Amino acid sequence: MTTGAFLPFTYSIVGAQKAGTSTLQWMLNQHPQVARPPRKEMGWFDVDETTWRSVDHSTYGIHTRHPMHRALGDATPRYLLMPGAVERMHQHRPDLRLIAMFRDPIDRLVSQWVMVRDRQPDRAPDWPEMMQWRPDDFPTSMPPEFEGPGGRARFMRASGVIRGYYGGQLRHGLSIFAREQWLFLDFAGMLSDHTRALNQVTTHLGIDRFKPYPPLKKLMAGPTRISGTAPTGADLMALARALEPELAGYVALTGLSVDHWTTERLLTGGLDADEQAQVYARKAGLLAEAPHDQT
């Protein structure tokens, strides 16, 4: 069997987790000019230093037998999070196109909590631990408390809140890759008009527009019931206040609105924190649905 031309990775969907990265990658995989990667999350750049030095980086791509393929990418939402990952991306592929998907950070955190509690109910962090680590700034290098053996795993476990430090993530990312190499998308905006979002993506990647457009599929949906400790209204307000400067940085750097985000509505008084906590508890199956009025 003959081997086709080598196509290196040309783009990466770098975050954020639980913000539609799987859905966007699935839709891009339907494009005739986009080659499918070996797996959705390559995790090429967020490994430990020993692994990074041992990898043959010339293999960062695939052999394709389809001459129409012009783009290849994966979706590894840890890339915006992990210290050193974006630097390695620029070191190896300085011409990469990057796509970052964002979702309200509290909604995102709750979705992550539900996901991990469903997968490992006896081992995954419960809600109080998920919201516990809230450093003042987004760490661009591994914090000292997570250095040493097992530190990367402990960092990942503790990173629930800082995955929503979008302002810090973007300041760091834009200090490494030029602004024109980035495309910033809002998760809610993609859900409301996915054809418009896909037009932005294909333009960014330099490929033709979809003909026809793929359907919008909601992938990686959460379970209907988990075990755990439900968020409280006080929890949500503490998170919102911690995230307030990150929202301001995100808006300044992307130009995208956050008026529809839960965090912003909590901060402005447009949403009751106790009522929103009950919404999250019901979605996690930790609070019974309110009975319907039978009168």
C-alpha atoms as a PDB file:
ATOM      1  CA  MET A   1       0.000   0.000   0.000  1.00  0.00           C
ATOM      2  CA  THR A   2       1.391   3.383  -0.982  1.00  0.00           C
ATOM      3  CA  THR A   3       1.736   6.073   1.645  1.00  0.00           C
ATOM      4  CA  GLY A   4       0.233   9.477   0.928  1.00  0.00           C
ATOM      5  CA  ALA A   5       1.701  12.893   1.502  1.00  0.00           C
ATOM      6  CA  PHE A   6       2.498  13.921   5.052  1.00  0.00           C
ATOM      7  CA  LEU A   7       0.116  16.577   6.363  1.00  0.00           C
ATOM      8  CA  PRO A   8       1.288  18.303   9.541  1.00  0.00           C
ATOM      9  CA  PHE A   9      -1.209  19.643  12.046  1.00  0.00           C
ATOM     10  CA  THR A  10      -2.344  23.089  10.939  1.00  0.00           C
ATOM     11  CA  TYR A  11      -4.711  24.065  13.763  1.00  0.00           C
ATOM     12  CA  SER A  12      -5.675  23.194  17.307  1.00  0.00           C
ATOM     13  CA  ILE A  13      -8.810  23.746  19.371  1.00  0.00           C
ATOM     14  CA  VAL A  14      -7.091  24.633  22.628  1.00  0.00           C
ATOM     15  CA  GLY A  15      -9.950  25.103  25.115  1.00  0.00           C
ATOM     16  CA  ALA A  16     -11.873  25.454  27.206  1.00  0.00           C
ATOM     17  CA  GLN A  17     -12.993  22.139  28.648  1.00  0.00           C
ATOM     18  CA  LYS A  18     -16.785  21.601  28.646  1.00  0.00           C
ATOM     19  CA  ALA A  19     -17.237  24.495  26.207  1.00  0.00           C
ATOM     20  CA  GLY A  20     -18.186  22.633  23.033  1.00  0.00           C
ATOM     21  CA  THR A  21     -14.757  21.554  21.812  1.00  0.00           C
ATOM     22  CA  SER A  22     -15.959  18.021  21.007  1.00  0.00           C
ATOM     23  CA  THR A  23     -18.954  19.368  19.094  1.00  0.00           C
ATOM     24  CA  LEU A  24     -16.833  21.774  17.056  1.00  0.00           C
ATOM     25  CA  GLN A  25     -14.242  19.105  16.278  1.00  0.00           C
ATOM     26  CA  TRP A  26     -16.964  16.680  15.163  1.00  0.00           C
ATOM     27  CA  MET A  27     -18.398  19.266  12.777  1.00  0.00           C
ATOM     28  CA  LEU A  28     -14.976  20.130  11.358  1.00  0.00           C
ATOM     29  CA  ASN A  29     -14.319  16.439  10.744  1.00  0.00           C
ATOM     30  CA  GLN A  30     -17.260  16.478   8.309  1.00  0.00           C
ATOM     31  CA  HIS A  31     -15.503  19.007   6.050  1.00  0.00           C
ATOM     32  CA  PRO A  32     -13.990  17.433   2.896  1.00  0.00           C
ATOM     33  CA  GLN A  33     -10.845  19.568   3.180  1.00  0.00           C
ATOM     34  CA  VAL A  34     -10.208  18.636   6.825  1.00  0.00           C
ATOM     35  CA  ALA A  35      -8.322  15.433   7.615  1.00  0.00           C
ATOM     36  CA  ARG A  36      -9.328  13.536  10.715  1.00  0.00           C
ATOM     37  CA  PRO A  37      -6.700  13.234  13.446  1.00  0.00           C
ATOM     38  CA  PRO A  38      -5.877   9.862  15.028  1.00  0.00           C
ATOM     39  CA  ARG A  39      -7.919  10.932  18.064  1.00  0.00           C
ATOM     40  CA  LYS A  40      -9.839  13.968  19.213  1.00  0.00           C
ATOM     41  CA  GLU A  41      -7.369  14.953  21.962  1.00  0.00           C
ATOM     42  CA  MET A  42      -3.786  14.453  20.877  1.00  0.00           C
ATOM     43  CA  GLY A  43      -2.382  15.923  24.097  1.00  0.00           C
ATOM     44  CA  TRP A  44       0.879  16.451  22.243  1.00  0.00           C
ATOM     45  CA  PHE A  45       2.049  19.573  24.071  1.00  0.00           C
ATOM     46  CA  ASP A  46       0.811  19.179  27.654  1.00  0.00           C
ATOM     47  CA  VAL A  47       3.024  16.263  28.668  1.00  0.00           C
ATOM     48  CA  ASP A  48       5.794  16.223  31.255  1.00  0.00           C
ATOM     49  CA  GLU A  49       9.269  17.344  30.226  1.00  0.00           C
ATOM     50  CA  THR A  50      10.728  13.822  30.025  1.00  0.00           C
ATOM     51  CA  THR A  51       7.985  12.687  27.654  1.00  0.00           C
ATOM     52  CA  TRP A  52       8.364  15.861  25.575  1.00  0.00           C
ATOM     53  CA  ARG A  53      12.073  15.286  25.059  1.00  0.00           C
ATOM     54  CA  SER A  54      11.540  11.657  24.013  1.00  0.00           C
ATOM     55  CA  VAL A  55       8.906  12.327  21.324  1.00  0.00           C
ATOM     56  CA  ASP A  56       9.759  12.467  17.624  1.00  0.00           C
ATOM     57  CA  HIS A  57       8.128  15.800  16.850  1.00  0.00           C
ATOM     58  CA  SER A  58       8.451  15.299  13.106  1.00  0.00           C
ATOM     59  CA  THR A  59       5.558  12.820  13.434  1.00  0.00           C
ATOM     60  CA  TYR A  60       3.108  15.569  14.487  1.00  0.00           C
ATOM     61  CA  GLY A  61       0.801  14.957  11.547  1.00  0.00           C
ATOM     62  CA  ILE A  62      -0.636  12.168   9.415  1.00  0.00           C
ATOM     63  CA  HIS A  63      -0.115  10.599   6.007  1.00  0.00           C
ATOM     64  CA  THR A  64      -3.167  11.299   3.896  1.00  0.00           C
ATOM     65  CA  ARG A  65      -4.215   9.739   0.595  1.00  0.00           C
ATOM     66  CA  HIS A  66      -6.723  12.494  -0.134  1.00  0.00           C
ATOM     67  CA  PRO A  67      -5.221  15.435  -2.042  1.00  0.00           C
ATOM     68  CA  MET A  68      -8.156  17.699  -1.114  1.00  0.00           C
ATOM     69  CA  HIS A  69      -7.090  17.700   2.542  1.00  0.00           C
ATOM     70  CA  ARG A  70      -5.693  21.097   3.491  1.00  0.00           C
ATOM     71  CA  ALA A  71      -6.236  21.252   7.248  1.00  0.00           C
ATOM     72  CA  LEU A  72      -5.637  18.929  10.179  1.00  0.00           C
ATOM     73  CA  GLY A  73      -6.260  19.615  13.837  1.00  0.00           C
ATOM     74  CA  ASP A  74      -7.247  18.183  17.175  1.00  0.00           C
ATOM     75  CA  ALA A  75      -9.166  19.458  20.190  1.00  0.00           C
ATOM     76  CA  THR A  76      -7.184  19.294  23.418  1.00  0.00           C
ATOM     77  CA  PRO A  77      -8.878  21.691  25.864  1.00  0.00           C
ATOM     78  CA  ARG A  78      -6.042  21.346  28.388  1.00  0.00           C
ATOM     79  CA  TYR A  79      -3.688  23.336  26.160  1.00  0.00           C
ATOM     80  CA  LEU A  80      -4.872  26.728  27.453  1.00  0.00           C
ATOM     81  CA  LEU A  81      -4.589  25.426  31.010  1.00  0.00           C
ATOM     82  CA  MET A  82      -1.335  23.512  31.327  1.00  0.00           C
ATOM     83  CA  PRO A  83       1.823  25.558  32.019  1.00  0.00           C
ATOM     84  CA  GLY A  84       4.265  25.284  29.134  1.00  0.00           C
ATOM     85  CA  ALA A  85       1.819  23.867  26.578  1.00  0.00           C
ATOM     86  CA  VAL A  86       1.318  27.009  24.484  1.00  0.00           C
ATOM     87  CA  GLU A  87       5.067  27.697  24.567  1.00  0.00           C
ATOM     88  CA  ARG A  88       5.767  24.226  23.193  1.00  0.00           C
ATOM     89  CA  MET A  89       3.162  24.696  20.475  1.00  0.00           C
ATOM     90  CA  HIS A  90       4.893  27.863  19.317  1.00  0.00           C
ATOM     91  CA  GLN A  91       8.328  26.253  19.565  1.00  0.00           C
ATOM     92  CA  HIS A  92       7.294  23.356  17.347  1.00  0.00           C
ATOM     93  CA  ARG A  93       4.640  24.882  15.072  1.00  0.00           C
ATOM     94  CA  PRO A  94       4.791  28.701  15.170  1.00  0.00           C
ATOM     95  CA  ASP A  95       2.340  28.923  12.247  1.00  0.00           C
ATOM     96  CA  LEU A  96      -0.480  26.999  13.966  1.00  0.00           C
ATOM     97  CA  ARG A  97      -3.974  28.412  13.834  1.00  0.00           C
ATOM     98  CA  LEU A  98      -5.644  28.336  17.252  1.00  0.00           C
ATOM     99  CA  ILE A  99      -9.327  28.195  18.159  1.00  0.00           C
ATOM    100  CA  ALA A 100     -10.505  28.888  21.693  1.00  0.00           C
ATOM    101  CA  MET A 101     -14.094  28.215  22.764  1.00  0.00           C
ATOM    102  CA  PHE A 102     -15.391  29.899  25.906  1.00  0.00           C
ATOM    103  CA  ARG A 103     -18.381  29.280  28.138  1.00  0.00           C
ATOM    104  CA  ASP A 104     -19.622  30.978  31.267  1.00  0.00           C
ATOM    105  CA  PRO A 105     -16.980  29.904  33.821  1.00  0.00           C
ATOM    106  CA  ILE A 106     -19.409  28.872  36.570  1.00  0.00           C
ATOM    107  CA  ASP A 107     -21.600  26.896  34.147  1.00  0.00           C
ATOM    108  CA  ARG A 108     -18.392  25.326  32.849  1.00  0.00           C
ATOM    109  CA  LEU A 109     -17.203  24.397  36.344  1.00  0.00           C
ATOM    110  CA  VAL A 110     -20.531  22.816  37.265  1.00  0.00           C
ATOM    111  CA  SER A 111     -20.493  20.809  34.032  1.00  0.00           C
ATOM    112  CA  GLN A 112     -16.972  19.572  34.787  1.00  0.00           C
ATOM    113  CA  TRP A 113     -17.966  18.641  38.340  1.00  0.00           C
ATOM    114  CA  VAL A 114     -20.951  16.649  37.093  1.00  0.00           C
ATOM    115  CA  MET A 115     -18.789  14.895  34.488  1.00  0.00           C
ATOM    116  CA  VAL A 116     -16.016  13.813  36.841  1.00  0.00           C
ATOM    117  CA  ARG A 117     -18.433  12.760  39.605  1.00  0.00           C
ATOM    118  CA  ASP A 118     -20.286  10.603  37.093  1.00  0.00           C
ATOM    119  CA  ARG A 119     -17.092   8.963  35.884  1.00  0.00           C
ATOM    120  CA  GLN A 120     -15.477   8.386  39.292  1.00  0.00           C
ATOM    121  CA  PRO A 121     -18.037   8.978  42.059  1.00  0.00           C
ATOM    122  CA  ASP A 122     -15.747   7.606  44.771  1.00  0.00           C
ATOM    123  CA  ARG A 123     -12.527   9.293  43.641  1.00  0.00           C
ATOM    124  CA  ALA A 124     -13.366  12.488  41.773  1.00  0.00           C
ATOM    125  CA  PRO A 125     -13.402  15.785  43.688  1.00  0.00           C
ATOM    126  CA  ASP A 126     -16.792  16.842  45.021  1.00  0.00           C
ATOM    127  CA  TRP A 127     -18.107  20.379  44.657  1.00  0.00           C
ATOM    128  CA  PRO A 128     -16.413  21.904  47.749  1.00  0.00           C
ATOM    129  CA  GLU A 129     -13.022  20.709  46.512  1.00  0.00           C
ATOM    130  CA  MET A 130     -13.763  21.747  42.924  1.00  0.00           C
ATOM    131  CA  MET A 131     -14.166  25.398  43.930  1.00  0.00           C
ATOM    132  CA  GLN A 132     -11.492  25.473  46.626  1.00  0.00           C
ATOM    133  CA  TRP A 133      -8.312  26.568  44.788  1.00  0.00           C
ATOM    134  CA  ARG A 134      -8.749  30.158  43.621  1.00  0.00           C
ATOM    135  CA  PRO A 135      -5.320  31.815  43.240  1.00  0.00           C
ATOM    136  CA  ASP A 136      -5.154  35.535  42.547  1.00  0.00           C
ATOM    137  CA  ASP A 137      -3.759  35.105  39.032  1.00  0.00           C
ATOM    138  CA  PHE A 138      -3.669  32.465  36.323  1.00  0.00           C
ATOM    139  CA  PRO A 139      -0.436  30.457  36.751  1.00  0.00           C
ATOM    140  CA  THR A 140       1.729  30.492  33.624  1.00  0.00           C
ATOM    141  CA  SER A 141       4.239  28.134  35.247  1.00  0.00           C
ATOM    142  CA  MET A 142       3.647  25.190  37.539  1.00  0.00           C
ATOM    143  CA  PRO A 143       2.937  26.510  41.044  1.00  0.00           C
ATOM    144  CA  PRO A 144       5.464  25.344  43.664  1.00  0.00           C
ATOM    145  CA  GLU A 145       2.851  23.332  45.559  1.00  0.00           C
ATOM    146  CA  PHE A 146       2.374  21.121  42.493  1.00  0.00           C
ATOM    147  CA  GLU A 147       6.008  20.491  41.663  1.00  0.00           C
ATOM    148  CA  GLY A 148       7.552  17.045  42.080  1.00  0.00           C
ATOM    149  CA  PRO A 149       6.185  13.524  41.559  1.00  0.00           C
ATOM    150  CA  GLY A 150       2.445  13.445  40.986  1.00  0.00           C
ATOM    151  CA  GLY A 151       2.289  17.227  40.844  1.00  0.00           C
ATOM    152  CA  ARG A 152       0.749  17.395  37.382  1.00  0.00           C
ATOM    153  CA  ALA A 153      -2.123  15.127  38.428  1.00  0.00           C
ATOM    154  CA  ARG A 154      -2.711  17.178  41.589  1.00  0.00           C
ATOM    155  CA  PHE A 155      -2.671  20.375  39.538  1.00  0.00           C
ATOM    156  CA  MET A 156      -5.275  18.964  37.156  1.00  0.00           C
ATOM    157  CA  ARG A 157      -7.461  17.901  40.076  1.00  0.00           C
ATOM    158  CA  ALA A 158      -7.290  21.330  41.678  1.00  0.00           C
ATOM    159  CA  SER A 159      -7.686  23.339  38.463  1.00  0.00           C
ATOM    160  CA  GLY A 160     -11.473  23.555  38.236  1.00  0.00           C
ATOM    161  CA  VAL A 161     -11.812  27.278  38.906  1.00  0.00           C
ATOM    162  CA  ILE A 162      -8.697  28.462  37.065  1.00  0.00           C
ATOM    163  CA  ARG A 163      -9.934  26.793  33.881  1.00  0.00           C
ATOM    164  CA  GLY A 164     -12.306  29.748  33.886  1.00  0.00           C
ATOM    165  CA  TYR A 165      -9.544  32.355  34.333  1.00  0.00           C
ATOM    166  CA  TYR A 166     -10.042  33.376  30.731  1.00  0.00           C
ATOM    167  CA  GLY A 167      -8.442  36.793  30.994  1.00  0.00           C
ATOM    168  CA  GLY A 168      -5.181  35.349  32.302  1.00  0.00           C
ATOM    169  CA  GLN A 169      -5.208  32.502  29.800  1.00  0.00           C
ATOM    170  CA  LEU A 170      -5.652  34.904  26.893  1.00  0.00           C
ATOM    171  CA  ARG A 171      -3.033  37.370  28.074  1.00  0.00           C
ATOM    172  CA  HIS A 172      -0.585  34.500  28.242  1.00  0.00           C
ATOM    173  CA  GLY A 173      -1.600  32.976  24.920  1.00  0.00           C
ATOM    174  CA  LEU A 174      -1.500  36.306  23.079  1.00  0.00           C
ATOM    175  CA  SER A 175       1.994  36.949  24.416  1.00  0.00           C
ATOM    176  CA  ILE A 176       3.162  33.854  22.521  1.00  0.00           C
ATOM    177  CA  PHE A 177       1.019  33.582  19.377  1.00  0.00           C
ATOM    178  CA  ALA A 178       0.060  36.621  17.307  1.00  0.00           C
ATOM    179  CA  ARG A 179      -3.556  37.809  17.532  1.00  0.00           C
ATOM    180  CA  GLU A 180      -4.289  36.913  13.891  1.00  0.00           C
ATOM    181  CA  GLN A 181      -3.554  33.261  14.655  1.00  0.00           C
ATOM    182  CA  TRP A 182      -6.387  33.117  17.198  1.00  0.00           C
ATOM    183  CA  LEU A 183     -10.128  32.723  16.775  1.00  0.00           C
ATOM    184  CA  PHE A 184     -12.284  33.253  19.860  1.00  0.00           C
ATOM    185  CA  LEU A 185     -15.772  31.735  19.968  1.00  0.00           C
ATOM    186  CA  ASP A 186     -18.578  31.793  22.504  1.00  0.00           C
ATOM    187  CA  PHE A 187     -20.195  28.431  23.289  1.00  0.00           C
ATOM    188  CA  ALA A 188     -23.694  29.913  23.552  1.00  0.00           C
ATOM    189  CA  GLY A 189     -23.208  31.727  20.267  1.00  0.00           C
ATOM    190  CA  MET A 190     -22.229  28.513  18.518  1.00  0.00           C
ATOM    191  CA  LEU A 191     -25.311  26.761  19.861  1.00  0.00           C
ATOM    192  CA  SER A 192     -27.603  29.566  18.714  1.00  0.00           C
ATOM    193  CA  ASP A 193     -26.109  29.909  15.197  1.00  0.00           C
ATOM    194  CA  HIS A 194     -23.654  27.163  14.396  1.00  0.00           C
ATOM    195  CA  THR A 195     -23.497  27.992  10.662  1.00  0.00           C
ATOM    196  CA  ARG A 196     -22.211  31.485  11.470  1.00  0.00           C
ATOM    197  CA  ALA A 197     -19.627  29.993  13.847  1.00  0.00           C
ATOM    198  CA  LEU A 198     -18.530  27.492  11.219  1.00  0.00           C
ATOM    199  CA  ASN A 199     -18.127  30.291   8.674  1.00  0.00           C
ATOM    200  CA  GLN A 200     -15.803  32.051  11.106  1.00  0.00           C
ATOM    201  CA  VAL A 201     -13.841  28.823  11.606  1.00  0.00           C
ATOM    202  CA  THR A 202     -13.442  27.954   7.920  1.00  0.00           C
ATOM    203  CA  THR A 203     -12.315  31.507   7.142  1.00  0.00           C
ATOM    204  CA  HIS A 204      -9.803  31.314   9.973  1.00  0.00           C
ATOM    205  CA  LEU A 205      -8.449  27.993   8.716  1.00  0.00           C
ATOM    206  CA  GLY A 206      -8.305  29.076   5.060  1.00  0.00           C
ATOM    207  CA  ILE A 207     -10.677  26.416   3.739  1.00  0.00           C
ATOM    208  CA  ASP A 208     -13.928  26.628   1.792  1.00  0.00           C
ATOM    209  CA  ARG A 209     -17.241  27.081   3.531  1.00  0.00           C
ATOM    210  CA  PHE A 210     -19.304  23.997   4.267  1.00  0.00           C
ATOM    211  CA  LYS A 211     -21.585  22.666   1.516  1.00  0.00           C
ATOM    212  CA  PRO A 212     -23.807  21.464   3.104  1.00  0.00           C
ATOM    213  CA  TYR A 213     -23.439  22.426   6.758  1.00  0.00           C
ATOM    214  CA  PRO A 214     -23.327  19.545   9.244  1.00  0.00           C
ATOM    215  CA  PRO A 215     -26.049  19.365  11.887  1.00  0.00           C
ATOM    216  CA  LEU A 216     -25.376  20.651  15.359  1.00  0.00           C
ATOM    217  CA  LYS A 217     -24.875  17.669  17.640  1.00  0.00           C
ATOM    218  CA  LYS A 218     -24.601  18.083  21.386  1.00  0.00           C
ATOM    219  CA  LEU A 219     -21.780  15.744  22.282  1.00  0.00           C
ATOM    220  CA  MET A 220     -20.455  14.840  25.732  1.00  0.00           C
ATOM    221  CA  ALA A 221     -23.787  15.553  27.428  1.00  0.00           C
ATOM    222  CA  GLY A 222     -23.746  15.111  31.185  1.00  0.00           C
ATOM    223  CA  PRO A 223     -25.595  12.491  33.241  1.00  0.00           C
ATOM    224  CA  THR A 224     -28.960  13.116  34.836  1.00  0.00           C
ATOM    225  CA  ARG A 225     -27.876  12.161  38.352  1.00  0.00           C
ATOM    226  CA  ILE A 226     -24.654  12.102  40.349  1.00  0.00           C
ATOM    227  CA  SER A 227     -23.718  11.760  44.006  1.00  0.00           C
ATOM    228  CA  GLY A 228     -22.231  14.733  45.759  1.00  0.00           C
ATOM    229  CA  THR A 229     -22.675  18.029  47.553  1.00  0.00           C
ATOM    230  CA  ALA A 230     -24.791  20.584  45.712  1.00  0.00           C
ATOM    231  CA  PRO A 231     -23.569  24.183  45.216  1.00  0.00           C
ATOM    232  CA  THR A 232     -25.056  26.906  47.382  1.00  0.00           C
ATOM    233  CA  GLY A 233     -25.905  30.461  46.518  1.00  0.00           C
ATOM    234  CA  ALA A 234     -23.025  31.645  48.697  1.00  0.00           C
ATOM    235  CA  ASP A 235     -20.684  29.380  46.733  1.00  0.00           C
ATOM    236  CA  LEU A 236     -21.798  30.909  43.450  1.00  0.00           C
ATOM    237  CA  MET A 237     -21.346  34.465  44.658  1.00  0.00           C
ATOM    238  CA  ALA A 238     -17.861  33.676  46.000  1.00  0.00           C
ATOM    239  CA  LEU A 239     -16.934  32.253  42.610  1.00  0.00           C
ATOM    240  CA  ALA A 240     -18.473  35.159  40.731  1.00  0.00           C
ATOM    241  CA  ARG A 241     -16.475  37.693  42.742  1.00  0.00           C
ATOM    242  CA  ALA A 242     -13.258  35.718  42.219  1.00  0.00           C
ATOM    243  CA  LEU A 243     -13.942  35.538  38.468  1.00  0.00           C
ATOM    244  CA  GLU A 244     -14.979  39.179  37.988  1.00  0.00           C
ATOM    245  CA  PRO A 245     -11.539  40.474  36.910  1.00  0.00           C
ATOM    246  CA  GLU A 246     -11.139  37.494  34.576  1.00  0.00           C
ATOM    247  CA  LEU A 247     -14.387  38.377  32.810  1.00  0.00           C
ATOM    248  CA  ALA A 248     -13.198  41.958  32.365  1.00  0.00           C
ATOM    249  CA  GLY A 249      -9.939  40.735  30.840  1.00  0.00           C
ATOM    250  CA  TYR A 250     -11.769  38.322  28.563  1.00  0.00           C
ATOM    251  CA  VAL A 251     -14.063  41.039  27.218  1.00  0.00           C
ATOM    252  CA  ALA A 252     -11.165  43.446  26.660  1.00  0.00           C
ATOM    253  CA  LEU A 253      -9.105  40.877  24.745  1.00  0.00           C
ATOM    254  CA  THR A 254     -11.825  39.185  22.674  1.00  0.00           C
ATOM    255  CA  GLY A 255     -14.462  41.863  22.199  1.00  0.00           C
ATOM    256  CA  LEU A 256     -17.092  39.238  22.988  1.00  0.00           C
ATOM    257  CA  SER A 257     -20.032  39.988  25.271  1.00  0.00           C
ATOM    258  CA  VAL A 258     -20.625  38.267  28.595  1.00  0.00           C
ATOM    259  CA  ASP A 259     -23.987  39.891  29.311  1.00  0.00           C
ATOM    260  CA  HIS A 260     -25.720  36.511  28.883  1.00  0.00           C
ATOM    261  CA  TRP A 261     -23.291  34.627  31.129  1.00  0.00           C
ATOM    262  CA  THR A 262     -24.395  33.345  34.521  1.00  0.00           C
ATOM    263  CA  THR A 263     -21.375  34.884  36.269  1.00  0.00           C
ATOM    264  CA  GLU A 264     -22.049  38.345  34.881  1.00  0.00           C
ATOM    265  CA  ARG A 265     -25.743  38.135  35.735  1.00  0.00           C
ATOM    266  CA  LEU A 266     -24.912  37.113  39.301  1.00  0.00           C
ATOM    267  CA  LEU A 267     -22.549  40.067  39.640  1.00  0.00           C
ATOM    268  CA  THR A 268     -25.050  42.569  38.254  1.00  0.00           C
ATOM    269  CA  GLY A 269     -27.979  41.238  40.281  1.00  0.00           C
ATOM    270  CA  GLY A 270     -29.842  39.962  37.247  1.00  0.00           C
ATOM    271  CA  LEU A 271     -29.834  36.428  38.622  1.00  0.00           C
ATOM    272  CA  ASP A 272     -30.624  35.188  42.124  1.00  0.00           C
ATOM    273  CA  ALA A 273     -27.735  33.086  43.441  1.00  0.00           C
ATOM    274  CA  ASP A 274     -29.880  30.754  45.572  1.00  0.00           C
ATOM    275  CA  GLU A 275     -32.256  30.093  42.692  1.00  0.00           C
ATOM    276  CA  GLN A 276     -29.362  29.392  40.332  1.00  0.00           C
ATOM    277  CA  ALA A 277     -27.833  26.996  42.852  1.00  0.00           C
ATOM    278  CA  GLN A 278     -31.113  25.081  42.851  1.00  0.00           C
ATOM    279  CA  VAL A 279     -31.017  24.947  39.039  1.00  0.00           C
ATOM    280  CA  TYR A 280     -27.576  23.345  39.187  1.00  0.00           C
ATOM    281  CA  ALA A 281     -28.670  20.915  41.914  1.00  0.00           C
ATOM    282  CA  ARG A 282     -31.654  19.774  39.843  1.00  0.00           C
ATOM    283  CA  LYS A 283     -29.488  19.260  36.773  1.00  0.00           C
ATOM    284  CA  ALA A 284     -27.169  17.074  38.856  1.00  0.00           C
ATOM    285  CA  GLY A 285     -30.108  15.091  40.238  1.00  0.00           C
ATOM    286  CA  LEU A 286     -29.405  16.302  43.774  1.00  0.00           C
ATOM    287  CA  LEU A 287     -32.694  18.178  44.180  1.00  0.00           C
ATOM    288  CA  ALA A 288     -36.134  16.997  43.263  1.00  0.00           C
ATOM    289  CA  GLU A 289     -37.980  18.894  40.576  1.00  0.00           C
ATOM    290  CA  ALA A 290     -40.417  21.408  41.961  1.00  0.00           C
ATOM    291  CA  PRO A 291     -43.963  19.965  41.941  1.00  0.00           C
ATOM    292  CA  HIS A 292     -46.325  21.306  39.305  1.00  0.00           C
ATOM    293  CA  ASP A 293     -49.258  23.400  40.472  1.00  0.00           C
ATOM    294  CA  GLN A 294     -52.305  21.141  40.350  1.00  0.00           C
ATOM    295  CA  THR A 295     -54.845  23.918  40.922  1.00  0.00           C
END
